[in-house]
N, C-alpha and C. Protein backbone atom coordinates (compact mmCIF):
# COMPACT_ATOMS: atom_id res chain seq x y z
N MET A 1 79.43 118.86 -14.10
CA MET A 1 78.20 118.48 -13.41
C MET A 1 78.23 119.04 -11.99
N ALA A 2 77.12 119.60 -11.55
CA ALA A 2 77.05 120.24 -10.24
C ALA A 2 77.10 119.21 -9.12
N LEU A 3 77.62 119.63 -8.01
CA LEU A 3 77.56 118.82 -6.80
C LEU A 3 76.11 118.64 -6.38
N GLU A 4 75.81 117.50 -5.77
CA GLU A 4 74.48 117.25 -5.23
C GLU A 4 74.62 116.81 -3.78
N LEU A 5 73.74 117.31 -2.93
CA LEU A 5 73.79 116.95 -1.52
C LEU A 5 72.41 116.51 -1.05
N TRP A 6 72.35 115.32 -0.48
CA TRP A 6 71.15 114.83 0.19
C TRP A 6 71.36 115.06 1.68
N TRP A 7 70.43 115.74 2.32
CA TRP A 7 70.61 116.14 3.71
C TRP A 7 69.27 116.18 4.42
N GLY A 8 69.33 116.22 5.75
CA GLY A 8 68.12 116.26 6.56
C GLY A 8 68.11 117.45 7.49
N SER A 9 66.97 118.07 7.64
CA SER A 9 66.82 119.22 8.53
C SER A 9 66.97 118.78 9.98
N GLY A 10 67.84 119.47 10.71
CA GLY A 10 68.07 119.14 12.11
C GLY A 10 69.15 118.10 12.32
N SER A 11 69.73 117.59 11.26
CA SER A 11 70.86 116.67 11.39
C SER A 11 72.14 117.50 11.51
N PRO A 12 72.86 117.38 12.64
CA PRO A 12 74.09 118.17 12.78
C PRO A 12 75.13 117.78 11.74
N TYR A 13 75.09 116.52 11.29
CA TYR A 13 76.05 116.06 10.31
C TYR A 13 75.75 116.65 8.94
N SER A 14 74.47 116.75 8.60
CA SER A 14 74.09 117.43 7.37
C SER A 14 74.47 118.90 7.42
N TRP A 15 74.28 119.50 8.58
CA TRP A 15 74.60 120.92 8.75
C TRP A 15 76.07 121.18 8.46
N ARG A 16 76.94 120.25 8.87
CA ARG A 16 78.36 120.39 8.58
C ARG A 16 78.62 120.48 7.08
N ALA A 17 78.01 119.58 6.33
CA ALA A 17 78.22 119.56 4.89
C ALA A 17 77.72 120.85 4.24
N LEU A 18 76.58 121.32 4.69
CA LEU A 18 76.02 122.55 4.15
C LEU A 18 76.93 123.75 4.44
N LEU A 19 77.41 123.83 5.68
CA LEU A 19 78.31 124.94 6.04
C LEU A 19 79.57 124.93 5.19
N ALA A 20 80.11 123.75 4.94
CA ALA A 20 81.33 123.66 4.12
C ALA A 20 81.07 124.10 2.69
N LEU A 21 79.98 123.64 2.11
CA LEU A 21 79.65 124.00 0.74
C LEU A 21 79.43 125.51 0.60
N GLU A 22 78.71 126.07 1.54
CA GLU A 22 78.43 127.51 1.47
C GLU A 22 79.70 128.33 1.71
N PHE A 23 80.52 127.92 2.67
CA PHE A 23 81.74 128.67 2.94
C PHE A 23 82.66 128.66 1.73
N LYS A 24 82.75 127.54 1.06
CA LYS A 24 83.61 127.44 -0.11
C LYS A 24 82.97 128.06 -1.36
N GLY A 25 81.71 128.44 -1.27
CA GLY A 25 81.04 129.06 -2.41
C GLY A 25 80.82 128.11 -3.56
N LEU A 26 80.60 126.84 -3.26
CA LEU A 26 80.43 125.83 -4.31
C LEU A 26 78.95 125.69 -4.67
N PRO A 27 78.61 125.77 -5.95
CA PRO A 27 77.22 125.54 -6.35
C PRO A 27 76.86 124.07 -6.18
N TYR A 28 75.64 123.82 -5.71
CA TYR A 28 75.22 122.44 -5.49
C TYR A 28 73.71 122.33 -5.60
N ALA A 29 73.27 121.15 -6.00
CA ALA A 29 71.84 120.85 -6.01
C ALA A 29 71.47 120.29 -4.65
N SER A 30 70.46 120.89 -4.03
CA SER A 30 70.07 120.52 -2.68
C SER A 30 68.88 119.56 -2.71
N HIS A 31 69.02 118.43 -2.02
CA HIS A 31 67.94 117.44 -1.92
C HIS A 31 67.61 117.25 -0.44
N LEU A 32 66.56 117.93 0.01
CA LEU A 32 66.15 117.84 1.41
C LEU A 32 65.39 116.53 1.63
N VAL A 33 65.90 115.70 2.51
CA VAL A 33 65.31 114.41 2.81
C VAL A 33 64.38 114.54 4.02
N GLN A 34 63.18 114.03 3.91
CA GLN A 34 62.21 114.09 5.00
C GLN A 34 62.33 112.82 5.84
N PHE A 35 62.84 112.97 7.06
CA PHE A 35 62.99 111.80 7.93
C PHE A 35 61.64 111.18 8.28
N ALA A 36 60.63 112.02 8.50
CA ALA A 36 59.32 111.51 8.89
C ALA A 36 58.72 110.60 7.82
N LYS A 37 59.11 110.82 6.58
CA LYS A 37 58.62 110.00 5.47
C LYS A 37 59.60 108.87 5.12
N GLN A 38 60.62 108.70 5.95
CA GLN A 38 61.62 107.65 5.75
C GLN A 38 62.33 107.78 4.39
N GLU A 39 62.48 109.02 3.93
CA GLU A 39 63.12 109.22 2.63
C GLU A 39 64.61 108.89 2.67
N HIS A 40 65.20 108.87 3.86
CA HIS A 40 66.60 108.49 3.96
C HIS A 40 66.80 106.99 3.74
N LYS A 41 65.68 106.25 3.70
CA LYS A 41 65.73 104.81 3.41
C LYS A 41 65.22 104.51 2.00
N ALA A 42 65.03 105.55 1.20
CA ALA A 42 64.55 105.37 -0.16
C ALA A 42 65.62 104.65 -0.99
N PRO A 43 65.20 103.93 -2.03
CA PRO A 43 66.15 103.15 -2.84
C PRO A 43 67.32 103.97 -3.36
N LEU A 44 67.07 105.21 -3.80
CA LEU A 44 68.15 106.03 -4.34
C LEU A 44 69.20 106.31 -3.27
N VAL A 45 68.75 106.66 -2.07
CA VAL A 45 69.70 106.95 -0.99
C VAL A 45 70.45 105.69 -0.58
N LEU A 46 69.73 104.57 -0.47
CA LEU A 46 70.37 103.32 -0.09
C LEU A 46 71.38 102.86 -1.14
N GLN A 47 71.11 103.19 -2.38
CA GLN A 47 72.06 102.85 -3.44
C GLN A 47 73.37 103.60 -3.26
N MET A 48 73.26 104.86 -2.80
CA MET A 48 74.45 105.67 -2.59
C MET A 48 75.11 105.38 -1.24
N ASN A 49 74.29 105.19 -0.22
CA ASN A 49 74.78 104.90 1.12
C ASN A 49 73.96 103.75 1.71
N PRO A 50 74.48 102.55 1.72
CA PRO A 50 73.74 101.39 2.22
C PRO A 50 73.29 101.52 3.67
N ARG A 51 73.88 102.43 4.41
CA ARG A 51 73.48 102.64 5.80
C ARG A 51 72.20 103.46 5.90
N GLY A 52 71.79 104.07 4.79
CA GLY A 52 70.56 104.85 4.81
C GLY A 52 70.64 106.08 5.67
N ARG A 53 71.76 106.77 5.61
CA ARG A 53 71.95 107.97 6.41
C ARG A 53 72.38 109.13 5.53
N VAL A 54 72.12 110.32 6.01
CA VAL A 54 72.57 111.53 5.33
C VAL A 54 73.49 112.29 6.29
N PRO A 55 74.39 113.12 5.74
CA PRO A 55 74.44 113.61 4.37
C PRO A 55 75.11 112.63 3.40
N VAL A 56 74.72 112.79 2.14
CA VAL A 56 75.37 112.09 1.04
C VAL A 56 75.71 113.12 -0.02
N LEU A 57 76.95 113.13 -0.44
CA LEU A 57 77.41 114.07 -1.46
C LEU A 57 77.71 113.30 -2.74
N LYS A 58 77.24 113.82 -3.86
CA LYS A 58 77.52 113.22 -5.16
C LYS A 58 78.19 114.27 -6.04
N ASP A 59 79.34 113.90 -6.57
CA ASP A 59 80.11 114.79 -7.44
C ASP A 59 80.39 114.03 -8.72
N GLY A 60 79.53 114.22 -9.71
CA GLY A 60 79.63 113.42 -10.92
C GLY A 60 79.31 111.97 -10.61
N ASP A 61 80.26 111.08 -10.88
CA ASP A 61 80.05 109.66 -10.59
C ASP A 61 80.54 109.27 -9.20
N TYR A 62 81.16 110.22 -8.51
CA TYR A 62 81.72 109.90 -7.19
C TYR A 62 80.70 110.21 -6.10
N VAL A 63 80.54 109.26 -5.17
CA VAL A 63 79.62 109.42 -4.04
C VAL A 63 80.41 109.37 -2.75
N CYS A 64 80.12 110.29 -1.86
CA CYS A 64 80.81 110.38 -0.58
C CYS A 64 79.77 110.53 0.53
N TYR A 65 79.91 109.75 1.59
CA TYR A 65 79.02 109.92 2.74
C TYR A 65 79.82 109.84 4.03
N GLU A 66 79.17 110.20 5.13
CA GLU A 66 79.78 110.50 6.43
C GLU A 66 80.35 111.92 6.37
N SER A 67 79.91 112.72 7.34
CA SER A 67 80.19 114.16 7.27
C SER A 67 81.68 114.48 7.24
N MET A 68 82.49 113.79 8.04
CA MET A 68 83.92 114.11 8.05
C MET A 68 84.56 113.75 6.72
N SER A 69 84.12 112.65 6.11
CA SER A 69 84.64 112.28 4.79
C SER A 69 84.28 113.34 3.76
N ILE A 70 83.07 113.87 3.86
CA ILE A 70 82.63 114.91 2.93
C ILE A 70 83.49 116.17 3.09
N LEU A 71 83.76 116.56 4.34
CA LEU A 71 84.58 117.75 4.56
C LEU A 71 85.98 117.57 3.98
N HIS A 72 86.57 116.42 4.21
CA HIS A 72 87.91 116.17 3.67
C HIS A 72 87.89 116.13 2.14
N TYR A 73 86.88 115.49 1.58
CA TYR A 73 86.80 115.41 0.12
C TYR A 73 86.68 116.80 -0.49
N LEU A 74 85.78 117.61 0.05
CA LEU A 74 85.58 118.95 -0.50
C LEU A 74 86.86 119.77 -0.42
N ASP A 75 87.60 119.60 0.67
CA ASP A 75 88.81 120.42 0.82
C ASP A 75 89.92 119.97 -0.12
N ARG A 76 90.00 118.69 -0.40
CA ARG A 76 91.02 118.20 -1.34
C ARG A 76 90.62 118.46 -2.78
N LYS A 77 89.36 118.28 -3.08
CA LYS A 77 88.88 118.45 -4.45
C LYS A 77 88.76 119.91 -4.83
N TYR A 78 88.35 120.74 -3.89
CA TYR A 78 88.13 122.17 -4.14
C TYR A 78 88.91 122.96 -3.09
N PRO A 79 90.21 123.12 -3.29
CA PRO A 79 91.08 123.67 -2.25
C PRO A 79 90.95 125.17 -2.00
N GLU A 80 90.22 125.87 -2.85
CA GLU A 80 90.01 127.29 -2.59
C GLU A 80 89.26 127.45 -1.26
N ARG A 81 89.68 128.44 -0.47
CA ARG A 81 89.12 128.68 0.85
C ARG A 81 89.22 127.42 1.71
N PRO A 82 90.42 127.00 2.04
CA PRO A 82 90.62 125.74 2.76
C PRO A 82 89.97 125.74 4.14
N ILE A 83 89.47 124.58 4.52
CA ILE A 83 88.86 124.44 5.85
C ILE A 83 89.71 123.56 6.77
N PHE A 84 90.78 122.96 6.24
CA PHE A 84 91.69 122.19 7.07
C PHE A 84 93.07 122.85 7.15
N GLY A 85 93.10 124.15 6.94
CA GLY A 85 94.31 124.91 7.14
C GLY A 85 95.19 125.01 5.90
N ALA A 86 96.02 126.03 5.89
CA ALA A 86 96.94 126.26 4.77
C ALA A 86 98.33 125.73 5.07
N THR A 87 98.58 125.35 6.31
CA THR A 87 99.89 124.82 6.70
C THR A 87 99.69 123.54 7.50
N ALA A 88 100.78 122.79 7.64
CA ALA A 88 100.73 121.57 8.44
C ALA A 88 100.38 121.88 9.89
N GLU A 89 100.89 123.00 10.38
CA GLU A 89 100.61 123.38 11.77
C GLU A 89 99.13 123.70 11.97
N GLU A 90 98.56 124.43 11.03
CA GLU A 90 97.14 124.75 11.12
C GLU A 90 96.30 123.47 11.04
N ALA A 91 96.66 122.58 10.12
CA ALA A 91 95.93 121.32 9.99
C ALA A 91 95.99 120.51 11.27
N GLY A 92 97.15 120.53 11.94
CA GLY A 92 97.30 119.80 13.19
C GLY A 92 96.37 120.33 14.27
N VAL A 93 96.28 121.66 14.40
CA VAL A 93 95.41 122.26 15.41
C VAL A 93 93.95 121.97 15.09
N ILE A 94 93.56 122.13 13.84
CA ILE A 94 92.17 121.90 13.43
C ILE A 94 91.76 120.46 13.70
N THR A 95 92.61 119.53 13.31
CA THR A 95 92.31 118.11 13.51
C THR A 95 92.24 117.77 14.99
N ARG A 96 93.12 118.38 15.78
CA ARG A 96 93.08 118.14 17.22
C ARG A 96 91.79 118.65 17.84
N MET A 97 91.36 119.84 17.44
CA MET A 97 90.13 120.40 17.99
C MET A 97 88.93 119.53 17.63
N ILE A 98 88.90 119.04 16.41
CA ILE A 98 87.82 118.16 15.99
C ILE A 98 87.86 116.85 16.79
N SER A 99 89.05 116.29 16.96
CA SER A 99 89.20 115.04 17.69
C SER A 99 88.76 115.20 19.14
N GLU A 100 89.13 116.31 19.75
CA GLU A 100 88.73 116.55 21.14
C GLU A 100 87.21 116.68 21.26
N TYR A 101 86.62 117.36 20.31
CA TYR A 101 85.15 117.53 20.36
C TYR A 101 84.45 116.18 20.21
N THR A 102 84.85 115.40 19.21
CA THR A 102 84.17 114.13 18.96
C THR A 102 84.45 113.11 20.07
N ALA A 103 85.62 113.19 20.70
CA ALA A 103 85.97 112.23 21.74
C ALA A 103 85.39 112.58 23.10
N TYR A 104 85.34 113.88 23.43
CA TYR A 104 85.03 114.28 24.80
C TYR A 104 83.71 115.05 24.97
N VAL A 105 83.09 115.48 23.88
CA VAL A 105 81.91 116.33 24.01
C VAL A 105 80.69 115.77 23.29
N GLU A 106 80.88 115.33 22.08
CA GLU A 106 79.75 115.04 21.19
C GLU A 106 78.77 114.04 21.79
N ASP A 107 79.29 112.95 22.36
CA ASP A 107 78.39 111.93 22.91
C ASP A 107 77.59 112.47 24.09
N HIS A 108 78.19 113.33 24.89
CA HIS A 108 77.48 113.92 26.03
C HIS A 108 76.37 114.86 25.54
N ILE A 109 76.65 115.63 24.51
CA ILE A 109 75.61 116.49 23.94
C ILE A 109 74.46 115.65 23.42
N ARG A 110 74.79 114.57 22.74
CA ARG A 110 73.76 113.68 22.20
C ARG A 110 72.88 113.11 23.31
N LYS A 111 73.50 112.71 24.43
CA LYS A 111 72.74 112.15 25.54
C LYS A 111 71.78 113.16 26.13
N VAL A 112 72.24 114.39 26.30
CA VAL A 112 71.39 115.44 26.88
C VAL A 112 70.22 115.74 25.96
N ILE A 113 70.50 115.91 24.68
CA ILE A 113 69.44 116.23 23.73
C ILE A 113 68.41 115.10 23.66
N TYR A 114 68.88 113.87 23.61
CA TYR A 114 67.98 112.72 23.51
C TYR A 114 67.10 112.62 24.76
N ALA A 115 67.69 112.85 25.92
CA ALA A 115 66.91 112.78 27.15
C ALA A 115 65.84 113.87 27.20
N ILE A 116 66.20 115.07 26.79
CA ILE A 116 65.24 116.18 26.81
C ILE A 116 64.10 115.93 25.83
N LEU A 117 64.43 115.46 24.64
CA LEU A 117 63.42 115.34 23.59
C LEU A 117 62.59 114.06 23.69
N PHE A 118 63.21 112.97 24.18
CA PHE A 118 62.52 111.69 24.07
C PHE A 118 62.38 110.89 25.37
N GLN A 119 63.30 111.03 26.31
CA GLN A 119 63.29 110.15 27.47
C GLN A 119 62.68 110.76 28.71
N GLY A 120 62.77 112.06 28.85
CA GLY A 120 62.33 112.72 30.07
C GLY A 120 63.52 113.03 30.96
N VAL A 121 63.62 114.27 31.39
CA VAL A 121 64.77 114.73 32.15
C VAL A 121 64.80 114.11 33.54
N GLU A 122 63.67 114.08 34.24
CA GLU A 122 63.65 113.65 35.63
C GLU A 122 64.08 112.20 35.79
N SER A 123 63.71 111.34 34.85
CA SER A 123 64.03 109.93 34.97
C SER A 123 65.49 109.63 34.61
N HIS A 124 66.19 110.60 34.07
CA HIS A 124 67.60 110.41 33.70
C HIS A 124 68.46 111.55 34.26
N LEU A 125 68.07 112.06 35.41
CA LEU A 125 68.71 113.26 35.94
C LEU A 125 70.19 113.05 36.25
N ASP A 126 70.54 111.92 36.86
CA ASP A 126 71.95 111.67 37.20
C ASP A 126 72.82 111.60 35.95
N GLU A 127 72.34 110.87 34.95
CA GLU A 127 73.10 110.75 33.70
C GLU A 127 73.25 112.09 33.01
N ILE A 128 72.16 112.87 33.00
CA ILE A 128 72.19 114.18 32.36
C ILE A 128 73.14 115.12 33.12
N SER A 129 73.12 115.06 34.43
CA SER A 129 73.99 115.93 35.24
C SER A 129 75.45 115.64 34.95
N ARG A 130 75.79 114.34 34.84
CA ARG A 130 77.18 113.99 34.50
C ARG A 130 77.55 114.50 33.12
N ALA A 131 76.62 114.32 32.19
CA ALA A 131 76.88 114.77 30.82
C ALA A 131 77.04 116.29 30.77
N MET A 132 76.16 117.01 31.47
CA MET A 132 76.24 118.47 31.48
C MET A 132 77.55 118.94 32.10
N HIS A 133 78.03 118.22 33.12
CA HIS A 133 79.31 118.58 33.74
C HIS A 133 80.44 118.46 32.72
N MET A 134 80.47 117.34 31.99
CA MET A 134 81.53 117.13 31.01
C MET A 134 81.45 118.15 29.87
N ILE A 135 80.23 118.46 29.45
CA ILE A 135 80.05 119.48 28.42
C ILE A 135 80.58 120.83 28.91
N GLY A 136 80.28 121.13 30.17
CA GLY A 136 80.74 122.40 30.74
C GLY A 136 82.25 122.51 30.79
N VAL A 137 82.92 121.41 31.12
CA VAL A 137 84.38 121.40 31.16
C VAL A 137 84.96 121.75 29.79
N GLU A 138 84.43 121.10 28.77
CA GLU A 138 84.95 121.34 27.42
C GLU A 138 84.51 122.71 26.90
N ALA A 139 83.33 123.15 27.30
CA ALA A 139 82.87 124.48 26.87
C ALA A 139 83.78 125.57 27.40
N LYS A 140 84.27 125.40 28.62
CA LYS A 140 85.20 126.38 29.19
C LYS A 140 86.50 126.43 28.38
N SER A 141 86.92 125.27 27.89
CA SER A 141 88.13 125.23 27.07
C SER A 141 87.90 125.97 25.74
N ILE A 142 86.75 125.72 25.13
CA ILE A 142 86.42 126.41 23.87
C ILE A 142 86.26 127.90 24.12
N GLU A 143 85.62 128.25 25.23
CA GLU A 143 85.43 129.66 25.59
C GLU A 143 86.78 130.36 25.71
N ALA A 144 87.74 129.68 26.34
CA ALA A 144 89.06 130.27 26.52
C ALA A 144 89.75 130.49 25.17
N ARG A 145 89.65 129.53 24.27
CA ARG A 145 90.27 129.69 22.96
C ARG A 145 89.62 130.84 22.19
N LEU A 146 88.30 130.93 22.27
CA LEU A 146 87.59 131.99 21.55
C LEU A 146 87.81 133.35 22.19
N GLY A 147 88.31 133.36 23.42
CA GLY A 147 88.73 134.61 24.03
C GLY A 147 90.05 135.10 23.47
N GLN A 148 90.81 134.19 22.84
CA GLN A 148 92.11 134.53 22.26
C GLN A 148 92.07 134.66 20.75
N PHE A 149 91.21 133.87 20.11
CA PHE A 149 91.17 133.80 18.65
C PHE A 149 89.77 134.10 18.12
N THR A 150 89.71 134.46 16.85
CA THR A 150 88.42 134.76 16.22
C THR A 150 87.61 133.49 16.03
N TRP A 151 88.29 132.40 15.67
CA TRP A 151 87.62 131.12 15.41
C TRP A 151 88.21 130.05 16.30
N VAL A 152 87.57 128.90 16.34
CA VAL A 152 87.94 127.86 17.30
C VAL A 152 89.41 127.44 17.17
N ALA A 153 89.89 127.29 15.95
CA ALA A 153 91.26 126.81 15.74
C ALA A 153 92.26 127.91 15.43
N GLY A 154 91.83 129.16 15.49
CA GLY A 154 92.76 130.25 15.19
C GLY A 154 92.07 131.43 14.56
N GLU A 155 92.74 132.08 13.64
CA GLU A 155 92.21 133.30 13.04
C GLU A 155 91.45 133.04 11.73
N ASN A 156 91.33 131.80 11.33
CA ASN A 156 90.60 131.47 10.11
C ASN A 156 89.47 130.49 10.40
N PHE A 157 88.33 130.73 9.79
CA PHE A 157 87.20 129.79 9.88
C PHE A 157 87.66 128.45 9.32
N SER A 158 87.30 127.37 9.99
CA SER A 158 87.83 126.07 9.59
C SER A 158 86.84 124.95 9.85
N ALA A 159 87.28 123.74 9.52
CA ALA A 159 86.46 122.55 9.77
C ALA A 159 86.17 122.37 11.25
N ALA A 160 87.02 122.90 12.12
CA ALA A 160 86.74 122.82 13.56
C ALA A 160 85.46 123.57 13.90
N ASP A 161 85.29 124.76 13.35
CA ASP A 161 84.06 125.52 13.56
C ASP A 161 82.87 124.77 12.96
N ILE A 162 83.07 124.23 11.77
CA ILE A 162 82.00 123.54 11.05
C ILE A 162 81.51 122.33 11.82
N VAL A 163 82.43 121.60 12.46
CA VAL A 163 82.05 120.39 13.20
C VAL A 163 81.39 120.73 14.53
N ILE A 164 81.90 121.71 15.23
CA ILE A 164 81.43 122.02 16.58
C ILE A 164 80.14 122.82 16.59
N PHE A 165 79.99 123.76 15.66
CA PHE A 165 78.87 124.68 15.67
C PHE A 165 77.50 124.00 15.70
N PRO A 166 77.20 123.04 14.83
CA PRO A 166 75.85 122.44 14.84
C PRO A 166 75.50 121.77 16.17
N GLY A 167 76.48 121.11 16.78
CA GLY A 167 76.20 120.45 18.05
C GLY A 167 75.83 121.42 19.14
N ILE A 168 76.56 122.53 19.22
CA ILE A 168 76.25 123.54 20.23
C ILE A 168 74.89 124.17 19.97
N GLN A 169 74.59 124.46 18.70
CA GLN A 169 73.30 125.04 18.38
C GLN A 169 72.15 124.09 18.74
N MET A 170 72.32 122.81 18.49
CA MET A 170 71.28 121.85 18.82
C MET A 170 71.11 121.71 20.33
N LEU A 171 72.22 121.76 21.07
CA LEU A 171 72.13 121.72 22.53
C LEU A 171 71.37 122.93 23.05
N LEU A 172 71.71 124.11 22.54
CA LEU A 172 71.04 125.32 23.00
C LEU A 172 69.55 125.29 22.69
N ARG A 173 69.20 124.75 21.53
CA ARG A 173 67.79 124.64 21.17
C ARG A 173 67.06 123.68 22.11
N ALA A 174 67.69 122.58 22.45
CA ALA A 174 67.08 121.63 23.37
C ALA A 174 66.92 122.24 24.77
N LEU A 175 67.93 122.97 25.22
CA LEU A 175 67.88 123.58 26.55
C LEU A 175 66.82 124.67 26.64
N ASP A 176 66.39 125.18 25.51
CA ASP A 176 65.37 126.23 25.49
C ASP A 176 63.96 125.66 25.66
N ARG A 177 63.83 124.35 25.62
CA ARG A 177 62.52 123.73 25.79
C ARG A 177 62.09 123.78 27.25
N ARG A 178 60.77 123.76 27.43
CA ARG A 178 60.21 123.83 28.79
C ARG A 178 60.72 122.70 29.67
N GLU A 179 60.90 121.50 29.10
CA GLU A 179 61.32 120.34 29.87
C GLU A 179 62.73 120.50 30.45
N ALA A 180 63.49 121.43 29.92
CA ALA A 180 64.89 121.58 30.33
C ALA A 180 65.11 122.81 31.19
N GLN A 181 64.05 123.37 31.76
CA GLN A 181 64.20 124.64 32.46
C GLN A 181 65.14 124.55 33.67
N ASP A 182 65.24 123.35 34.28
CA ASP A 182 66.14 123.20 35.44
C ASP A 182 67.60 123.03 35.02
N LEU A 183 67.84 122.81 33.74
CA LEU A 183 69.19 122.60 33.25
C LEU A 183 69.80 123.84 32.60
N ARG A 184 68.94 124.69 32.08
CA ARG A 184 69.44 125.74 31.19
C ARG A 184 70.29 126.79 31.89
N SER A 185 70.15 126.93 33.21
CA SER A 185 70.91 127.98 33.90
C SER A 185 72.42 127.74 33.81
N ARG A 186 72.83 126.49 33.52
CA ARG A 186 74.26 126.22 33.39
C ARG A 186 74.82 126.83 32.11
N TRP A 187 73.95 127.09 31.15
CA TRP A 187 74.39 127.64 29.87
C TRP A 187 73.79 129.01 29.59
N LEU A 188 72.52 129.18 29.92
CA LEU A 188 71.81 130.39 29.52
C LEU A 188 71.65 131.34 30.68
N PRO A 189 71.69 132.67 30.44
CA PRO A 189 71.89 133.28 29.12
C PRO A 189 73.33 133.10 28.63
N LEU A 190 73.46 132.76 27.37
CA LEU A 190 74.76 132.42 26.82
C LEU A 190 75.73 133.58 26.85
N ASP A 191 75.23 134.79 26.57
CA ASP A 191 76.14 135.94 26.52
C ASP A 191 76.66 136.32 27.90
N VAL A 192 76.09 135.75 28.95
CA VAL A 192 76.59 135.98 30.31
C VAL A 192 77.53 134.85 30.72
N ASN A 193 77.10 133.60 30.50
CA ASN A 193 77.88 132.45 30.94
C ASN A 193 79.05 132.11 30.01
N TYR A 194 78.84 132.31 28.72
CA TYR A 194 79.88 132.01 27.72
C TYR A 194 79.87 133.11 26.66
N PRO A 195 80.32 134.31 27.01
CA PRO A 195 80.22 135.43 26.07
C PRO A 195 81.05 135.24 24.80
N ALA A 196 82.19 134.58 24.89
CA ALA A 196 83.01 134.38 23.68
C ALA A 196 82.34 133.40 22.73
N ILE A 197 81.71 132.36 23.27
CA ILE A 197 80.97 131.41 22.43
C ILE A 197 79.76 132.11 21.80
N ALA A 198 79.08 132.94 22.56
CA ALA A 198 77.93 133.68 22.02
C ALA A 198 78.36 134.58 20.86
N ALA A 199 79.49 135.26 21.00
CA ALA A 199 79.99 136.13 19.93
C ALA A 199 80.41 135.30 18.71
N TRP A 200 81.00 134.13 18.96
CA TRP A 200 81.40 133.22 17.87
C TRP A 200 80.19 132.75 17.08
N ILE A 201 79.12 132.40 17.77
CA ILE A 201 77.89 131.97 17.09
C ILE A 201 77.40 133.08 16.16
N LYS A 202 77.44 134.31 16.62
CA LYS A 202 77.00 135.43 15.78
C LYS A 202 77.90 135.58 14.55
N ARG A 203 79.19 135.32 14.71
CA ARG A 203 80.11 135.42 13.57
C ARG A 203 79.79 134.33 12.53
N VAL A 204 79.50 133.13 13.00
CA VAL A 204 79.12 132.06 12.07
C VAL A 204 77.83 132.43 11.34
N GLU A 205 76.87 132.93 12.08
CA GLU A 205 75.58 133.29 11.50
C GLU A 205 75.70 134.42 10.48
N ALA A 206 76.76 135.20 10.58
CA ALA A 206 76.97 136.32 9.64
C ALA A 206 77.69 135.90 8.37
N LEU A 207 78.13 134.64 8.29
CA LEU A 207 78.84 134.19 7.09
C LEU A 207 77.91 134.15 5.89
N PRO A 208 78.41 134.48 4.70
CA PRO A 208 77.58 134.42 3.50
C PRO A 208 77.02 133.01 3.29
N GLY A 209 75.72 132.94 3.00
CA GLY A 209 75.09 131.66 2.72
C GLY A 209 74.62 130.92 3.96
N TYR A 210 74.89 131.48 5.14
CA TYR A 210 74.49 130.77 6.37
C TYR A 210 73.00 130.47 6.40
N GLU A 211 72.19 131.41 5.95
CA GLU A 211 70.74 131.22 6.03
C GLU A 211 70.29 129.98 5.25
N ARG A 212 71.05 129.57 4.25
CA ARG A 212 70.69 128.38 3.48
C ARG A 212 71.04 127.09 4.22
N THR A 213 71.84 127.18 5.27
CA THR A 213 72.20 126.00 6.04
C THR A 213 71.29 125.79 7.24
N TYR A 214 70.55 126.81 7.62
CA TYR A 214 69.74 126.75 8.84
C TYR A 214 68.61 125.74 8.68
N PRO A 215 68.40 124.86 9.66
CA PRO A 215 67.37 123.84 9.55
C PRO A 215 66.00 124.43 9.24
N PRO A 216 65.41 124.06 8.12
CA PRO A 216 64.13 124.68 7.73
C PRO A 216 63.02 124.52 8.78
N HIS A 217 62.96 123.36 9.43
CA HIS A 217 61.86 123.16 10.36
C HIS A 217 62.03 123.97 11.65
N TRP A 218 63.22 124.54 11.88
CA TRP A 218 63.41 125.41 13.02
C TRP A 218 62.80 126.78 12.77
N LYS A 219 62.50 127.10 11.54
CA LYS A 219 61.96 128.42 11.21
C LYS A 219 60.46 128.50 11.48
N ASP A 220 59.82 127.36 11.69
CA ASP A 220 58.37 127.36 11.90
C ASP A 220 58.02 127.85 13.31
């Protein structure tokens, strides 16, 4: 029985699951959930995930949700083209990079995006400035690693790339909005301020199947 994935366009967590499936070359049935129609709260989704969130992965009778759980499950169940490394040392670096991103960067990115899209930049300028500073500190660290290695955790594409990539792409998209014009100079143009990150983004975009992971509503 084919894998099935319930996911939402523009969800960085859904994007992670899609990137993993495509990188591993696994066939799957795609179920795009419309947030505007509250489809993530539909009975079928709630039956699989009582929290009413996506992504949700179904593999036969087994259901897995939360993006990191999905990545780990896919790598253990389908070990071809590993995303958590082929050695203990590689796994340690990959897990550390993911932990650093989720602990020190992700929440700041979320704050900036939410302020730009929903709260208004001017009324939250101090909070956004602090968040942008912290993002910049960690971005310099990632930039330095990508100046040494092809991918975030080394010479192989991994779960570290899968976890970090959607967040950075969503931040860049938010900074491109008119409301964020006073903030974008810290990041944009990307190929000037963070050339190694810009080159890394292009490498991810060149991966087979990437176009199937790209948020559909971003294409409009």
